[in-house]
Structures are given as C-alpha cells and as structure tokens.
Amino acid sequence: MSGSEYFKIFEGNFILAQRIVNELNAIGINPIIKDESESQRLAGYASLNQGFQELIVHKDEYDKAKSIVDRIKLEMQS
C-alpha cells in the first residue's frame, strides 16, 4: 500500500481481528476488514488461510489504532 492514504495495522485470526475492530469502533475508528478467504469462498474457490484477516485504517487514524492493537497484543501475551 505504498503511497496510499491507508495502512495495515493488523493481520491475523478472525477472533483477535474482531476484538480489535470492536475496540476501534468504540473510539470512532471504522477499519477496513480484508478477508481473502471469504472472497475466495464466495467465488467458489477453496482457501488455505481460513479465518485470516487484515485490518486497514486511514493514515489520520493510524497512531491511535496502532496503540490499541499493540495494547491488545500485549494483553494476549500475558
């Protein structure tokens, strides 16, 4: 996404992605959710990476969103 107005803040499993989305939504950030496996399923193809999602936010929201992602990842490690 070089030269883009949008940046990836997370990639990983569906459950953790949804937790991050919920926390971002709570502070008014609505990330773009990219789910290749769902796109492949809808097109009739099999997917090797079921439940893998990417979260993308606008550059103006990046710092706030990244701090939330980092906090959640830290919580998951402890």
PDB file of N, CA and C in Angstrom:
ATOM      1  N   MET A   1       0.825  -1.181   0.000  1.00  0.00           N
ATOM      2  CA  MET A   1       0.000   0.000   0.000  1.00  0.00           C
ATOM      3  C   MET A   1       0.874   1.250   0.000  1.00  0.00           C
ATOM      4  N   SER A   2       1.976   1.181  -0.636  1.00  0.00           N
ATOM      5  CA  SER A   2       2.892   2.302  -0.680  1.00  0.00           C
ATOM      6  C   SER A   2       2.249   3.488  -1.378  1.00  0.00           C
ATOM      7  N   GLY A   3       2.431   4.678  -0.809  1.00  0.00           N
ATOM      8  CA  GLY A   3       1.851   5.877  -1.377  1.00  0.00           C
ATOM      9  C   GLY A   3       0.363   6.001  -1.140  1.00  0.00           C
ATOM     10  N   SER A   4      -0.158   5.190  -0.277  1.00  0.00           N
ATOM     11  CA  SER A   4      -1.595   5.149  -0.027  1.00  0.00           C
ATOM     12  C   SER A   4      -1.970   6.017   1.156  1.00  0.00           C
ATOM     13  N   GLU A   5      -3.243   6.319   1.248  1.00  0.00           N
ATOM     14  CA  GLU A   5      -3.804   7.026   2.386  1.00  0.00           C
ATOM     15  C   GLU A   5      -4.161   6.045   3.499  1.00  0.00           C
ATOM     16  N   TYR A   6      -4.023   4.748   3.233  1.00  0.00           N
ATOM     17  CA  TYR A   6      -4.433   3.711   4.170  1.00  0.00           C
ATOM     18  C   TYR A   6      -3.268   2.801   4.522  1.00  0.00           C
ATOM     19  N   PHE A   7      -3.270   2.317   5.781  1.00  0.00           N
ATOM     20  CA  PHE A   7      -2.180   1.469   6.257  1.00  0.00           C
ATOM     21  C   PHE A   7      -2.724   0.263   6.996  1.00  0.00           C
ATOM     22  N   LYS A   8      -2.047  -0.872   6.819  1.00  0.00           N
ATOM     23  CA  LYS A   8      -2.421  -2.097   7.519  1.00  0.00           C
ATOM     24  C   LYS A   8      -1.933  -1.998   8.959  1.00  0.00           C
ATOM     25  N   ILE A   9      -2.838  -2.273   9.916  1.00  0.00           N
ATOM     26  CA  ILE A   9      -2.453  -2.229  11.322  1.00  0.00           C
ATOM     27  C   ILE A   9      -2.432  -3.612  11.964  1.00  0.00           C
ATOM     28  N   PHE A  10      -3.053  -4.589  11.307  1.00  0.00           N
ATOM     29  CA  PHE A  10      -3.113  -5.925  11.898  1.00  0.00           C
ATOM     30  C   PHE A  10      -3.359  -6.948  10.811  1.00  0.00           C
ATOM     31  N   GLU A  11      -2.780  -8.130  11.011  1.00  0.00           N
ATOM     32  CA  GLU A  11      -3.129  -9.300  10.221  1.00  0.00           C
ATOM     33  C   GLU A  11      -3.070 -10.496  11.145  1.00  0.00           C
ATOM     34  N   GLY A  12      -4.105 -11.309  11.092  1.00  0.00           N
ATOM     35  CA  GLY A  12      -4.155 -12.462  11.971  1.00  0.00           C
ATOM     36  C   GLY A  12      -5.513 -13.120  11.970  1.00  0.00           C
ATOM     37  N   ASN A  13      -5.783 -13.883  13.032  1.00  0.00           N
ATOM     38  CA  ASN A  13      -7.003 -14.676  13.054  1.00  0.00           C
ATOM     39  C   ASN A  13      -8.260 -13.834  13.268  1.00  0.00           C
ATOM     40  N   PHE A  14      -9.368 -14.392  12.872  1.00  0.00           N
ATOM     41  CA  PHE A  14     -10.669 -13.725  12.893  1.00  0.00           C
ATOM     42  C   PHE A  14     -11.058 -13.247  14.290  1.00  0.00           C
ATOM     43  N   ILE A  15     -10.847 -14.071  15.311  1.00  0.00           N
ATOM     44  CA  ILE A  15     -11.290 -13.736  16.664  1.00  0.00           C
ATOM     45  C   ILE A  15     -10.556 -12.512  17.193  1.00  0.00           C
ATOM     46  N   LEU A  16      -9.247 -12.491  17.043  1.00  0.00           N
ATOM     47  CA  LEU A  16      -8.477 -11.340  17.504  1.00  0.00           C
ATOM     48  C   LEU A  16      -8.798 -10.104  16.665  1.00  0.00           C
ATOM     49  N   ALA A  17      -8.977 -10.290  15.368  1.00  0.00           N
ATOM     50  CA  ALA A  17      -9.339  -9.171  14.499  1.00  0.00           C
ATOM     51  C   ALA A  17     -10.660  -8.551  14.930  1.00  0.00           C
ATOM     52  N   GLN A  18     -11.632  -9.373  15.287  1.00  0.00           N
ATOM     53  CA  GLN A  18     -12.930  -8.846  15.711  1.00  0.00           C
ATOM     54  C   GLN A  18     -12.839  -8.104  17.036  1.00  0.00           C
ATOM     55  N   ARG A  19     -11.987  -8.574  17.925  1.00  0.00           N
ATOM     56  CA  ARG A  19     -11.793  -7.845  19.183  1.00  0.00           C
ATOM     57  C   ARG A  19     -11.211  -6.462  18.914  1.00  0.00           C
ATOM     58  N   ILE A  20     -10.238  -6.394  18.023  1.00  0.00           N
ATOM     59  CA  ILE A  20      -9.629  -5.115  17.669  1.00  0.00           C
ATOM     60  C   ILE A  20     -10.659  -4.207  16.999  1.00  0.00           C
ATOM     61  N   VAL A  21     -11.442  -4.760  16.082  1.00  0.00           N
ATOM     62  CA  VAL A  21     -12.478  -3.976  15.409  1.00  0.00           C
ATOM     63  C   VAL A  21     -13.453  -3.384  16.423  1.00  0.00           C
ATOM     64  N   ASN A  22     -13.878  -4.186  17.391  1.00  0.00           N
ATOM     65  CA  ASN A  22     -14.809  -3.696  18.407  1.00  0.00           C
ATOM     66  C   ASN A  22     -14.217  -2.548  19.205  1.00  0.00           C
ATOM     67  N   GLU A  23     -12.955  -2.661  19.585  1.00  0.00           N
ATOM     68  CA  GLU A  23     -12.308  -1.591  20.354  1.00  0.00           C
ATOM     69  C   GLU A  23     -12.104  -0.346  19.502  1.00  0.00           C
ATOM     70  N   LEU A  24     -11.766  -0.530  18.245  1.00  0.00           N
ATOM     71  CA  LEU A  24     -11.616   0.626  17.354  1.00  0.00           C
ATOM     72  C   LEU A  24     -12.956   1.318  17.132  1.00  0.00           C
ATOM     73  N   ASN A  25     -13.997   0.539  16.914  1.00  0.00           N
ATOM     74  CA  ASN A  25     -15.330   1.114  16.725  1.00  0.00           C
ATOM     75  C   ASN A  25     -15.768   1.921  17.941  1.00  0.00           C
ATOM     76  N   ALA A  26     -15.385   1.473  19.123  1.00  0.00           N
ATOM     77  CA  ALA A  26     -15.767   2.151  20.363  1.00  0.00           C
ATOM     78  C   ALA A  26     -15.182   3.562  20.444  1.00  0.00           C
ATOM     79  N   ILE A  27     -14.069   3.810  19.760  1.00  0.00           N
ATOM     80  CA  ILE A  27     -13.489   5.155  19.773  1.00  0.00           C
ATOM     81  C   ILE A  27     -13.692   5.885  18.441  1.00  0.00           C
ATOM     82  N   GLY A  28     -14.583   5.355  17.619  1.00  0.00           N
ATOM     83  CA  GLY A  28     -14.951   6.044  16.380  1.00  0.00           C
ATOM     84  C   GLY A  28     -14.101   5.745  15.169  1.00  0.00           C
ATOM     85  N   ILE A  29     -13.292   4.710  15.232  1.00  0.00           N
ATOM     86  CA  ILE A  29     -12.483   4.306  14.076  1.00  0.00           C
ATOM     87  C   ILE A  29     -13.141   3.081  13.444  1.00  0.00           C
ATOM     88  N   ASN A  30     -13.409   3.162  12.152  1.00  0.00           N
ATOM     89  CA  ASN A  30     -14.028   2.057  11.423  1.00  0.00           C
ATOM     90  C   ASN A  30     -13.022   1.496  10.421  1.00  0.00           C
ATOM     91  N   PRO A  31     -12.319   0.432  10.810  1.00  0.00           N
ATOM     92  CA  PRO A  31     -11.296  -0.125   9.921  1.00  0.00           C
ATOM     93  C   PRO A  31     -11.905  -0.871   8.731  1.00  0.00           C
ATOM     94  N   ILE A  32     -11.117  -0.974   7.694  1.00  0.00           N
ATOM     95  CA  ILE A  32     -11.467  -1.819   6.555  1.00  0.00           C
ATOM     96  C   ILE A  32     -11.015  -3.227   6.913  1.00  0.00           C
ATOM     97  N   ILE A  33     -11.888  -4.201   6.731  1.00  0.00           N
ATOM     98  CA  ILE A  33     -11.556  -5.596   7.021  1.00  0.00           C
ATOM     99  C   ILE A  33     -11.366  -6.318   5.694  1.00  0.00           C
ATOM    100  N   LYS A  34     -10.169  -6.821   5.487  1.00  0.00           N
ATOM    101  CA  LYS A  34      -9.857  -7.562   4.267  1.00  0.00           C
ATOM    102  C   LYS A  34      -9.788  -9.039   4.628  1.00  0.00           C
ATOM    103  N   ASP A  35     -10.633  -9.832   3.992  1.00  0.00           N
ATOM    104  CA  ASP A  35     -10.714 -11.261   4.284  1.00  0.00           C
ATOM    105  C   ASP A  35     -10.678 -12.022   2.964  1.00  0.00           C
ATOM    106  N   GLU A  36      -9.476 -12.408   2.552  1.00  0.00           N
ATOM    107  CA  GLU A  36      -9.285 -13.109   1.277  1.00  0.00           C
ATOM    108  C   GLU A  36     -10.028 -14.441   1.251  1.00  0.00           C
ATOM    109  N   SER A  37     -10.048 -15.145   2.398  1.00  0.00           N
ATOM    110  CA  SER A  37     -10.692 -16.457   2.412  1.00  0.00           C
ATOM    111  C   SER A  37     -12.190 -16.337   2.141  1.00  0.00           C
ATOM    112  N   GLU A  38     -12.819 -15.310   2.670  1.00  0.00           N
ATOM    113  CA  GLU A  38     -14.253 -15.120   2.425  1.00  0.00           C
ATOM    114  C   GLU A  38     -14.498 -14.759   0.956  1.00  0.00           C
ATOM    115  N   SER A  39     -13.635 -13.946   0.394  1.00  0.00           N
ATOM    116  CA  SER A  39     -13.757 -13.608  -1.022  1.00  0.00           C
ATOM    117  C   SER A  39     -13.603 -14.848  -1.890  1.00  0.00           C
ATOM    118  N   GLN A  40     -12.646 -15.690  -1.532  1.00  0.00           N
ATOM    119  CA  GLN A  40     -12.425 -16.921  -2.293  1.00  0.00           C
ATOM    120  C   GLN A  40     -13.615 -17.866  -2.152  1.00  0.00           C
ATOM    121  N   ARG A  41     -14.149 -17.958  -0.938  1.00  0.00           N
ATOM    122  CA  ARG A  41     -15.304 -18.837  -0.709  1.00  0.00           C
ATOM    123  C   ARG A  41     -16.492 -18.384  -1.539  1.00  0.00           C
ATOM    124  N   LEU A  42     -16.740 -17.080  -1.547  1.00  0.00           N
ATOM    125  CA  LEU A  42     -17.871 -16.553  -2.308  1.00  0.00           C
ATOM    126  C   LEU A  42     -17.697 -16.762  -3.806  1.00  0.00           C
ATOM    127  N   ALA A  43     -16.445 -16.806  -4.263  1.00  0.00           N
ATOM    128  CA  ALA A  43     -16.171 -17.040  -5.677  1.00  0.00           C
ATOM    129  C   ALA A  43     -16.172 -18.523  -6.037  1.00  0.00           C
ATOM    130  N   GLY A  44     -16.281 -19.395  -5.025  1.00  0.00           N
ATOM    131  CA  GLY A  44     -16.338 -20.827  -5.284  1.00  0.00           C
ATOM    132  C   GLY A  44     -15.009 -21.538  -5.225  1.00  0.00           C
ATOM    133  N   TYR A  45     -14.001 -20.890  -4.646  1.00  0.00           N
ATOM    134  CA  TYR A  45     -12.679 -21.495  -4.546  1.00  0.00           C
ATOM    135  C   TYR A  45     -12.388 -21.902  -3.110  1.00  0.00           C
ATOM    136  N   ALA A  46     -11.503 -22.861  -2.956  1.00  0.00           N
ATOM    137  CA  ALA A  46     -11.062 -23.265  -1.618  1.00  0.00           C
ATOM    138  C   ALA A  46     -10.004 -22.280  -1.131  1.00  0.00           C
ATOM    139  N   SER A  47      -9.869 -22.182   0.182  1.00  0.00           N
ATOM    140  CA  SER A  47      -8.881 -21.278   0.751  1.00  0.00           C
ATOM    141  C   SER A  47      -8.033 -22.014   1.771  1.00  0.00           C
ATOM    142  N   LEU A  48      -6.737 -21.763   1.726  1.00  0.00           N
ATOM    143  CA  LEU A  48      -5.834 -22.381   2.681  1.00  0.00           C
ATOM    144  C   LEU A  48      -5.701 -21.568   3.960  1.00  0.00           C
ATOM    145  N   ASN A  49      -6.117 -20.316   3.934  1.00  0.00           N
ATOM    146  CA  ASN A  49      -5.935 -19.453   5.098  1.00  0.00           C
ATOM    147  C   ASN A  49      -7.288 -19.015   5.682  1.00  0.00           C
ATOM    148  N   GLN A  50      -8.111 -19.995   6.040  1.00  0.00           N
ATOM    149  CA  GLN A  50      -9.421 -19.722   6.618  1.00  0.00           C
ATOM    150  C   GLN A  50      -9.282 -18.886   7.888  1.00  0.00           C
ATOM    151  N   GLY A  51     -10.112 -17.849   8.003  1.00  0.00           N
ATOM    152  CA  GLY A  51     -10.151 -17.047   9.213  1.00  0.00           C
ATOM    153  C   GLY A  51      -9.034 -16.034   9.349  1.00  0.00           C
ATOM    154  N   PHE A  52      -8.257 -15.819   8.307  1.00  0.00           N
ATOM    155  CA  PHE A  52      -7.160 -14.859   8.334  1.00  0.00           C
ATOM    156  C   PHE A  52      -7.668 -13.525   7.812  1.00  0.00           C
ATOM    157  N   GLN A  53      -7.509 -12.461   8.606  1.00  0.00           N
ATOM    158  CA  GLN A  53      -7.997 -11.147   8.204  1.00  0.00           C
ATOM    159  C   GLN A  53      -6.917 -10.090   8.347  1.00  0.00           C
ATOM    160  N   GLU A  54      -7.078  -9.026   7.578  1.00  0.00           N
ATOM    161  CA  GLU A  54      -6.224  -7.847   7.688  1.00  0.00           C
ATOM    162  C   GLU A  54      -7.114  -6.666   8.040  1.00  0.00           C
ATOM    163  N   LEU A  55      -6.604  -5.782   8.895  1.00  0.00           N
ATOM    164  CA  LEU A  55      -7.326  -4.567   9.255  1.00  0.00           C
ATOM    165  C   LEU A  55      -6.537  -3.375   8.738  1.00  0.00           C
ATOM    166  N   ILE A  56      -7.253  -2.457   8.094  1.00  0.00           N
ATOM    167  CA  ILE A  56      -6.632  -1.316   7.449  1.00  0.00           C
ATOM    168  C   ILE A  56      -7.349  -0.052   7.912  1.00  0.00           C
ATOM    169  N   VAL A  57      -6.561   0.994   8.216  1.00  0.00           N
ATOM    170  CA  VAL A  57      -7.147   2.265   8.650  1.00  0.00           C
ATOM    171  C   VAL A  57      -6.554   3.421   7.849  1.00  0.00           C
ATOM    172  N   HIS A  58      -7.245   4.540   7.892  1.00  0.00           N
ATOM    173  CA  HIS A  58      -6.770   5.760   7.235  1.00  0.00           C
ATOM    174  C   HIS A  58      -5.544   6.282   7.979  1.00  0.00           C
ATOM    175  N   LYS A  59      -4.661   6.940   7.262  1.00  0.00           N
ATOM    176  CA  LYS A  59      -3.408   7.417   7.871  1.00  0.00           C
ATOM    177  C   LYS A  59      -3.651   8.373   9.036  1.00  0.00           C
ATOM    178  N   ASP A  60      -4.746   9.124   9.017  1.00  0.00           N
ATOM    179  CA  ASP A  60      -5.047  10.041  10.110  1.00  0.00           C
ATOM    180  C   ASP A  60      -5.415   9.318  11.400  1.00  0.00           C
ATOM    181  N   GLU A  61      -5.847   8.071  11.291  1.00  0.00           N
ATOM    182  CA  GLU A  61      -6.252   7.279  12.452  1.00  0.00           C
ATOM    183  C   GLU A  61      -5.195   6.251  12.856  1.00  0.00           C
ATOM    184  N   TYR A  62      -4.120   6.191  12.099  1.00  0.00           N
ATOM    185  CA  TYR A  62      -3.127   5.136  12.286  1.00  0.00           C
ATOM    186  C   TYR A  62      -2.540   5.090  13.696  1.00  0.00           C
ATOM    187  N   ASP A  63      -2.069   6.212  14.209  1.00  0.00           N
ATOM    188  CA  ASP A  63      -1.397   6.214  15.508  1.00  0.00           C
ATOM    189  C   ASP A  63      -2.314   5.732  16.629  1.00  0.00           C
ATOM    190  N   LYS A  64      -3.535   6.231  16.637  1.00  0.00           N
ATOM    191  CA  LYS A  64      -4.498   5.816  17.665  1.00  0.00           C
ATOM    192  C   LYS A  64      -4.818   4.329  17.529  1.00  0.00           C
ATOM    193  N   ALA A  65      -5.060   3.888  16.311  1.00  0.00           N
ATOM    194  CA  ALA A  65      -5.410   2.487  16.060  1.00  0.00           C
ATOM    195  C   ALA A  65      -4.246   1.562  16.405  1.00  0.00           C
ATOM    196  N   LYS A  66      -3.044   1.945  16.035  1.00  0.00           N
ATOM    197  CA  LYS A  66      -1.871   1.109  16.297  1.00  0.00           C
ATOM    198  C   LYS A  66      -1.649   0.938  17.793  1.00  0.00           C
ATOM    199  N   SER A  67      -1.885   1.982  18.577  1.00  0.00           N
ATOM    200  CA  SER A  67      -1.703   1.860  20.026  1.00  0.00           C
ATOM    201  C   SER A  67      -2.700   0.863  20.618  1.00  0.00           C
ATOM    202  N   ILE A  68      -3.912   0.819  20.087  1.00  0.00           N
ATOM    203  CA  ILE A  68      -4.907  -0.147  20.555  1.00  0.00           C
ATOM    204  C   ILE A  68      -4.491  -1.568  20.175  1.00  0.00           C
ATOM    205  N   VAL A  69      -4.035  -1.746  18.958  1.00  0.00           N
ATOM    206  CA  VAL A  69      -3.578  -3.068  18.510  1.00  0.00           C
ATOM    207  C   VAL A  69      -2.411  -3.537  19.369  1.00  0.00           C
ATOM    208  N   ASP A  70      -1.461  -2.662  19.634  1.00  0.00           N
ATOM    209  CA  ASP A  70      -0.309  -3.031  20.457  1.00  0.00           C
ATOM    210  C   ASP A  70      -0.742  -3.411  21.872  1.00  0.00           C
ATOM    211  N   ARG A  71      -1.682  -2.667  22.449  1.00  0.00           N
ATOM    212  CA  ARG A  71      -2.170  -2.967  23.799  1.00  0.00           C
ATOM    213  C   ARG A  71      -2.852  -4.333  23.840  1.00  0.00           C
ATOM    214  N   ILE A  72      -3.683  -4.612  22.849  1.00  0.00           N
ATOM    215  CA  ILE A  72      -4.396  -5.898  22.812  1.00  0.00           C
ATOM    216  C   ILE A  72      -3.410  -7.049  22.629  1.00  0.00           C
ATOM    217  N   LYS A  73      -2.428  -6.886  21.772  1.00  0.00           N
ATOM    218  CA  LYS A  73      -1.411  -7.933  21.582  1.00  0.00           C
ATOM    219  C   LYS A  73      -0.641  -8.182  22.872  1.00  0.00           C
ATOM    220  N   LEU A  74      -0.321  -7.112  23.600  1.00  0.00           N
ATOM    221  CA  LEU A  74       0.379  -7.248  24.869  1.00  0.00           C
ATOM    222  C   LEU A  74      -0.473  -7.989  25.885  1.00  0.00           C
ATOM    223  N   GLU A  75      -1.768  -7.673  25.945  1.00  0.00           N
ATOM    224  CA  GLU A  75      -2.680  -8.370  26.838  1.00  0.00           C
ATOM    225  C   GLU A  75      -2.749  -9.857  26.505  1.00  0.00           C
ATOM    226  N   MET A  76      -2.728 -10.189  25.237  1.00  0.00           N
ATOM    227  CA  MET A  76      -2.832 -11.583  24.815  1.00  0.00           C
ATOM    228  C   MET A  76      -1.584 -12.378  25.198  1.00  0.00           C
ATOM    229  N   GLN A  77      -0.443 -11.711  25.295  1.00  0.00           N
ATOM    230  CA  GLN A  77       0.809 -12.386  25.629  1.00  0.00           C
ATOM    231  C   GLN A  77       0.931 -12.654  27.126  1.00  0.00           C
ATOM    232  N   SER A  78       0.214 -11.876  27.953  1.00  0.00           N
ATOM    233  CA  SER A  78       0.372 -12.063  29.407  1.00  0.00           C
ATOM    234  C   SER A  78      -0.642 -13.011  29.976  1.00  0.00           C
TER     235      SER A  78
END
